[in-house]
Amino acid sequence: MEIFDRNLDLGPFVPGPDDDMLVCRCEEITKGEIRQAIHEGMFTMTEIRRYLRAGMGLCQGNTCGRIVKGIIAAELGRRPAELEDCTPRGPARPVVVKIYGNEVFNRD
């Protein structure tokens, strides 16, 4: 993978007709929010994830990760294969700490 030029001038953000399309359902992030973040200097999956929380919801990016990567690639004029992958994680659910305590201390 080649190093990306951080000095790339993408020009001003121009809203598109489909910018209200929901991309990350878990965190309710739209295509327009992702495109705007790219124009603000977020060029990698990790940066987008940390800045907008896209891919950090219940599915951990397993649903929206490829779509977000495609949007980044399109805005930067690159192929998706040229961009770094974001590490998808397994789906997570909140667990009450008491459950863990019962497992440790109540062994039969």
Protein backbone atom coordinates (compact mmCIF):
# COMPACT_ATOMS: atom_id res chain seq x y z
CA MET A 1 0.00 0.00 0.00
CA GLU A 2 1.40 3.39 -0.93
CA ILE A 3 1.50 6.32 1.45
CA PHE A 4 -1.29 8.78 0.80
CA ASP A 5 -0.47 12.46 0.23
CA ARG A 6 -2.03 14.38 3.13
CA ASN A 7 -1.66 17.67 1.22
CA LEU A 8 -4.24 16.63 -1.36
CA ASP A 9 -6.72 19.44 -2.02
CA LEU A 10 -10.15 17.96 -2.60
CA GLY A 11 -11.72 21.35 -3.03
CA PRO A 12 -14.77 22.56 -1.15
CA PHE A 13 -17.44 20.13 -0.03
CA VAL A 14 -20.34 20.16 -2.46
CA PRO A 15 -23.45 18.37 -1.18
CA GLY A 16 -24.72 15.57 -3.40
CA PRO A 17 -28.30 14.49 -4.07
CA ASP A 18 -27.89 11.24 -2.12
CA ASP A 19 -26.02 12.67 0.89
CA ASP A 20 -28.98 11.96 3.17
CA MET A 21 -28.63 8.19 2.54
CA LEU A 22 -28.04 6.32 5.80
CA VAL A 23 -24.78 4.34 5.57
CA CYS A 24 -24.09 3.28 9.15
CA ARG A 25 -27.41 2.20 10.63
CA CYS A 26 -26.01 1.52 14.11
CA GLU A 27 -24.65 5.03 14.60
CA GLU A 28 -27.01 6.77 12.10
CA ILE A 29 -24.23 8.23 9.93
CA THR A 30 -25.15 9.49 6.46
CA LYS A 31 -23.16 9.49 3.25
CA GLY A 32 -23.00 13.29 3.40
CA GLU A 33 -21.44 13.24 6.87
CA ILE A 34 -18.77 10.82 5.64
CA ARG A 35 -18.08 12.88 2.51
CA GLN A 36 -17.84 16.07 4.55
CA ALA A 37 -15.40 14.43 7.01
CA ILE A 38 -13.20 13.41 4.06
CA HIS A 39 -13.13 17.03 2.86
CA GLU A 40 -12.15 18.04 6.40
CA GLY A 41 -9.06 15.79 6.20
CA MET A 42 -10.14 12.33 7.37
CA PHE A 43 -8.66 10.11 4.64
CA THR A 44 -8.56 6.64 6.25
CA MET A 45 -11.12 4.19 7.58
CA THR A 46 -9.64 4.50 11.07
CA GLU A 47 -9.92 8.30 11.03
CA ILE A 48 -13.52 8.19 9.82
CA ARG A 49 -14.33 5.60 12.46
CA ARG A 50 -12.86 7.68 15.27
CA TYR A 51 -14.23 10.99 14.02
CA LEU A 52 -17.81 9.96 13.18
CA ARG A 53 -18.11 6.58 14.98
CA ALA A 54 -19.15 4.98 11.67
CA GLY A 55 -18.53 1.27 12.14
CA MET A 56 -18.41 1.43 15.93
CA GLY A 57 -21.98 0.43 16.64
CA LEU A 58 -23.47 -2.95 17.39
CA CYS A 59 -22.29 -4.54 14.11
CA GLN A 60 -18.71 -3.19 14.54
CA GLY A 61 -18.47 -2.23 10.85
CA ASN A 62 -19.45 -5.62 9.47
CA THR A 63 -22.48 -4.07 7.75
CA CYS A 64 -21.23 -0.64 6.67
CA GLY A 65 -17.44 -1.03 6.48
CA ARG A 66 -17.25 -1.79 2.77
CA ILE A 67 -19.69 1.01 1.93
CA VAL A 68 -17.70 3.56 3.95
CA LYS A 69 -14.49 2.41 2.26
CA GLY A 70 -16.15 2.82 -1.13
CA ILE A 71 -17.24 6.36 -0.30
CA ILE A 72 -13.72 7.28 0.84
CA ALA A 73 -12.21 5.79 -2.32
CA ALA A 74 -14.67 7.63 -4.57
CA GLU A 75 -14.00 10.98 -2.90
CA LEU A 76 -10.23 10.52 -3.09
CA GLY A 77 -10.31 9.21 -6.67
CA ARG A 78 -8.80 5.87 -5.64
CA ARG A 79 -9.71 2.21 -5.89
CA PRO A 80 -10.99 0.70 -2.63
CA ALA A 81 -8.19 -1.90 -2.75
CA GLU A 82 -5.64 0.91 -2.42
CA LEU A 83 -7.01 2.00 0.96
CA GLU A 84 -6.24 0.43 4.32
CA ASP A 85 -8.87 -1.80 5.85
CA CYS A 86 -10.43 -1.05 9.18
CA THR A 87 -10.35 -4.00 11.53
CA PRO A 88 -13.90 -5.36 11.83
CA ARG A 89 -14.76 -6.83 15.16
CA GLY A 90 -17.34 -9.38 16.11
CA PRO A 91 -20.82 -8.14 16.99
CA ALA A 92 -20.94 -7.05 20.61
CA ARG A 93 -23.76 -6.78 23.09
CA PRO A 94 -23.72 -5.05 26.45
CA VAL A 95 -23.40 -7.49 29.35
CA VAL A 96 -24.19 -6.77 32.97
CA VAL A 97 -21.04 -7.10 35.09
CA LYS A 98 -23.02 -9.14 37.64
CA ILE A 99 -23.18 -11.98 35.09
CA TYR A 100 -19.39 -12.18 34.99
CA GLY A 101 -19.23 -12.14 38.78
CA ASN A 102 -21.65 -15.05 39.02
CA GLU A 103 -19.54 -17.07 36.61
CA VAL A 104 -16.36 -16.52 38.61
CA PHE A 105 -17.62 -16.85 42.17
CA ASN A 106 -20.51 -19.32 41.92
CA ARG A 107 -18.79 -22.35 40.49
CA ASP A 108 -20.50 -25.60 41.32
